[in-house]
Amino acid sequence: MNEEITLTREVEAIQIPSGDTITLPSGTPVVITQSLGGTYTVATSSGLARISSTDSDALGIDAEEKEAKTKEVERLKDAPIEEQVWHQLKQVYDPEIPVDIVNLGLVYDCTVTDEDGKHIVTVKMTLTAPGCGMGPAIAADAQSRIMTVDQIDDARVELVWDPPWNQEMISEEGKMKLGMV
């Protein structure tokens, strides 16, 4: 990390903190500032952006790392649906905080229901700050990750503001990662 990398091809990214979609051209110099949950926060000459794991090859990310993640997904295929969903939520990060949304205490509720023979996941989550421009991108990331679970037919992620989030909601694991313990 913190080594300049030149993008090997054009990639779509999400600008931080606005949440706007931008295109980073091939040859753009970037510095990876965070690599968590399969997404990469990069510093560019025009600010921070988040690049999806599907574009990690443009950053020169090692295929072995991707293979290890694929093996974990394979292991989880036989796990209960709820465990698979929670695993996917733990792969979602606020690009400015090195702790997943579950351990940050941002996920208030996650239920899997059966509606007419279809598995529907409903998540109620919040953000560390109501004005965060990345909120829709983080919620969309959570939704798309949940949809990678084979048995899930639909995922609904709702941003809620009550109760307001505070640092006491961070798990012990999250506090350790943030150096709060």
Protein backbone atom coordinates (compact mmCIF):
# COMPACT_ATOMS: atom_id res chain seq x y z
CA MET A 1 0.00 0.00 0.00
CA ASN A 2 0.92 3.65 -0.44
CA GLU A 3 2.90 2.78 -3.58
CA GLU A 4 1.91 4.55 -6.80
CA ILE A 5 0.31 2.23 -9.35
CA THR A 6 -0.58 3.09 -12.94
CA LEU A 7 -3.97 1.77 -14.07
CA THR A 8 -3.50 -0.72 -16.88
CA ARG A 9 -6.95 -0.02 -18.32
CA GLU A 10 -9.92 2.31 -17.93
CA VAL A 11 -12.06 1.61 -14.85
CA GLU A 12 -15.33 2.86 -13.48
CA ALA A 13 -15.01 4.12 -9.90
CA ILE A 14 -17.06 5.88 -7.25
CA GLN A 15 -15.81 9.27 -6.17
CA ILE A 16 -15.43 9.75 -2.41
CA PRO A 17 -17.20 11.32 -0.58
CA SER A 18 -19.80 12.42 -3.19
CA GLY A 19 -20.69 8.89 -4.33
CA ASP A 20 -20.68 9.97 -7.99
CA THR A 21 -19.63 7.47 -10.66
CA ILE A 22 -16.48 8.50 -12.52
CA THR A 23 -14.22 6.92 -15.12
CA LEU A 24 -10.50 6.69 -14.43
CA PRO A 25 -8.61 6.44 -17.74
CA SER A 26 -5.91 3.91 -18.48
CA GLY A 27 -2.54 5.25 -17.36
CA THR A 28 -3.96 7.15 -14.37
CA PRO A 29 -1.54 7.07 -11.44
CA VAL A 30 -3.24 5.97 -8.19
CA VAL A 31 -2.20 5.04 -4.68
CA ILE A 32 -4.20 2.35 -2.87
CA THR A 33 -5.04 3.79 0.55
CA GLN A 34 -7.35 0.98 1.66
CA SER A 35 -8.02 -2.54 0.45
CA LEU A 36 -10.89 -4.11 2.35
CA GLY A 37 -13.83 -6.28 1.42
CA GLY A 38 -12.61 -6.65 -2.13
CA THR A 39 -12.89 -2.95 -2.90
CA TYR A 40 -9.99 -0.56 -3.21
CA THR A 41 -9.91 3.05 -2.09
CA VAL A 42 -7.41 4.90 -4.24
CA ALA A 43 -5.99 8.41 -4.12
CA THR A 44 -5.84 10.14 -7.49
CA SER A 45 -4.78 13.63 -8.48
CA SER A 46 -8.46 14.61 -8.26
CA GLY A 47 -9.22 12.99 -4.87
CA LEU A 48 -10.29 9.63 -3.48
CA ALA A 49 -12.20 6.98 -5.42
CA ARG A 50 -13.37 3.43 -4.79
CA ILE A 51 -12.63 0.71 -7.34
CA SER A 52 -14.59 -2.54 -7.34
CA SER A 53 -12.98 -5.96 -6.99
CA THR A 54 -14.10 -6.73 -10.54
CA ASP A 55 -11.56 -4.17 -11.72
CA SER A 56 -8.70 -5.28 -9.44
CA ASP A 57 -6.72 -6.51 -12.44
CA ALA A 58 -6.33 -2.89 -13.58
CA LEU A 59 -4.52 -2.31 -10.27
CA GLY A 60 -2.27 -5.34 -10.76
CA ILE A 61 -3.86 -7.22 -7.85
CA ASP A 62 -2.61 -10.78 -7.53
CA ALA A 63 -4.93 -13.50 -8.79
CA GLU A 64 -3.98 -15.72 -5.81
CA GLU A 65 -5.73 -13.30 -3.47
CA LYS A 66 -8.86 -13.60 -5.57
CA GLU A 67 -8.55 -17.40 -5.51
CA ALA A 68 -8.39 -17.46 -1.70
CA LYS A 69 -11.59 -15.42 -1.55
CA THR A 70 -13.24 -17.78 -4.04
CA LYS A 71 -12.36 -20.75 -1.79
CA GLU A 72 -14.00 -19.02 1.18
CA VAL A 73 -17.15 -18.42 -0.86
CA GLU A 74 -17.12 -22.11 -1.86
CA ARG A 75 -16.82 -23.15 1.80
CA LEU A 76 -19.83 -21.01 2.70
CA LYS A 77 -22.10 -22.53 0.04
CA ASP A 78 -23.11 -25.30 2.47
CA ALA A 79 -23.55 -22.91 5.41
CA PRO A 80 -27.01 -21.69 6.47
CA ILE A 81 -28.34 -18.81 4.35
CA GLU A 82 -28.21 -16.40 7.31
CA GLU A 83 -24.49 -17.12 7.84
CA GLN A 84 -23.81 -16.55 4.15
CA VAL A 85 -25.67 -13.22 4.20
CA TRP A 86 -23.82 -12.00 7.31
CA HIS A 87 -20.52 -13.06 5.71
CA GLN A 88 -21.34 -10.94 2.67
CA LEU A 89 -22.26 -7.95 4.85
CA LYS A 90 -18.89 -8.27 6.58
CA GLN A 91 -17.26 -7.70 3.18
CA VAL A 92 -18.78 -4.22 2.88
CA TYR A 93 -16.69 -1.26 4.05
CA ASP A 94 -17.07 2.46 4.33
CA PRO A 95 -14.12 3.45 2.11
CA GLU A 96 -12.86 5.87 4.75
CA ILE A 97 -12.95 3.47 7.73
CA PRO A 98 -10.99 0.18 7.86
CA VAL A 99 -13.78 -1.79 9.59
CA ASP A 100 -16.68 -3.61 7.92
CA ILE A 101 -20.25 -2.29 8.32
CA VAL A 102 -21.24 -5.16 10.65
CA ASN A 103 -18.40 -4.59 13.11
CA LEU A 104 -18.95 -0.83 12.88
CA GLY A 105 -22.46 -1.46 14.19
CA LEU A 106 -24.10 0.02 11.10
CA VAL A 107 -26.36 -2.99 10.43
CA TYR A 108 -29.37 -2.68 12.72
CA ASP A 109 -31.43 -5.56 11.35
CA CYS A 110 -31.01 -8.36 8.83
CA THR A 111 -33.79 -10.84 8.20
CA VAL A 112 -34.27 -13.60 5.67
CA THR A 113 -37.91 -14.33 4.90
CA ASP A 114 -39.71 -16.70 2.57
CA GLU A 115 -42.23 -14.89 0.36
CA ASP A 116 -44.07 -17.14 -2.07
CA GLY A 117 -41.15 -19.60 -2.12
CA LYS A 118 -38.54 -16.90 -2.64
CA HIS A 119 -35.83 -15.96 -0.16
CA ILE A 120 -35.92 -12.22 0.49
CA VAL A 121 -33.31 -10.44 2.62
CA THR A 122 -34.23 -7.18 4.29
CA VAL A 123 -31.46 -5.11 5.86
CA LYS A 124 -31.85 -1.94 7.87
CA MET A 125 -28.60 -0.09 8.22
CA THR A 126 -27.31 3.35 9.01
CA LEU A 127 -24.18 5.39 8.39
CA THR A 128 -21.69 6.99 10.73
CA ALA A 129 -22.94 10.41 9.54
CA PRO A 130 -26.31 11.23 7.93
CA GLY A 131 -24.72 13.53 5.33
CA CYS A 132 -22.33 10.87 3.99
CA GLY A 133 -22.42 10.99 0.19
CA MET A 134 -21.24 7.38 0.05
CA GLY A 135 -24.44 6.11 1.73
CA PRO A 136 -26.19 5.00 -1.47
CA ALA A 137 -22.97 3.38 -2.74
CA ILE A 138 -22.43 1.48 0.53
CA ALA A 139 -26.07 0.33 0.57
CA ALA A 140 -25.82 -0.75 -3.09
CA ASP A 141 -22.61 -2.63 -2.29
CA ALA A 142 -24.39 -4.45 0.57
CA GLN A 143 -27.29 -5.31 -1.70
CA SER A 144 -25.10 -6.61 -4.52
CA ARG A 145 -23.02 -8.70 -2.11
CA ILE A 146 -26.14 -10.26 -0.59
CA MET A 147 -27.37 -11.09 -4.09
CA THR A 148 -24.25 -13.22 -4.64
CA VAL A 149 -25.72 -15.80 -2.24
CA ASP A 150 -27.23 -18.45 -4.51
CA GLN A 151 -30.52 -19.00 -2.65
CA ILE A 152 -31.36 -15.29 -2.35
CA ASP A 153 -33.96 -14.00 -4.79
CA ASP A 154 -34.08 -10.36 -3.65
CA ALA A 155 -32.27 -8.07 -1.24
CA ARG A 156 -33.66 -4.84 0.13
CA VAL A 157 -31.26 -2.51 1.93
CA GLU A 158 -32.81 0.47 3.66
CA LEU A 159 -30.86 3.36 5.19
CA VAL A 160 -32.37 4.37 8.53
CA TRP A 161 -31.39 7.08 10.99
CA ASP A 162 -33.09 5.93 14.17
CA PRO A 163 -31.48 5.19 16.48
CA PRO A 164 -28.60 7.50 15.58
CA TRP A 165 -25.29 5.66 15.26
CA ASN A 166 -22.61 6.23 17.89
CA GLN A 167 -19.20 4.72 18.65
CA GLU A 168 -20.62 2.49 21.38
CA MET A 169 -22.23 0.42 18.59
CA ILE A 170 -18.82 -0.71 17.29
CA SER A 171 -18.07 -4.36 18.14
CA GLU A 172 -15.04 -5.34 20.20
CA GLU A 173 -13.39 -6.61 17.01
CA GLY A 174 -14.06 -3.28 15.32
CA LYS A 175 -12.73 -1.32 18.29
CA MET A 176 -9.55 -3.41 18.22
CA LYS A 177 -9.04 -2.70 14.50
CA LEU A 178 -9.51 1.02 15.16
CA GLY A 179 -7.17 1.00 18.14
CA MET A 180 -9.95 1.94 20.56
CA VAL A 181 -9.25 -0.97 22.94
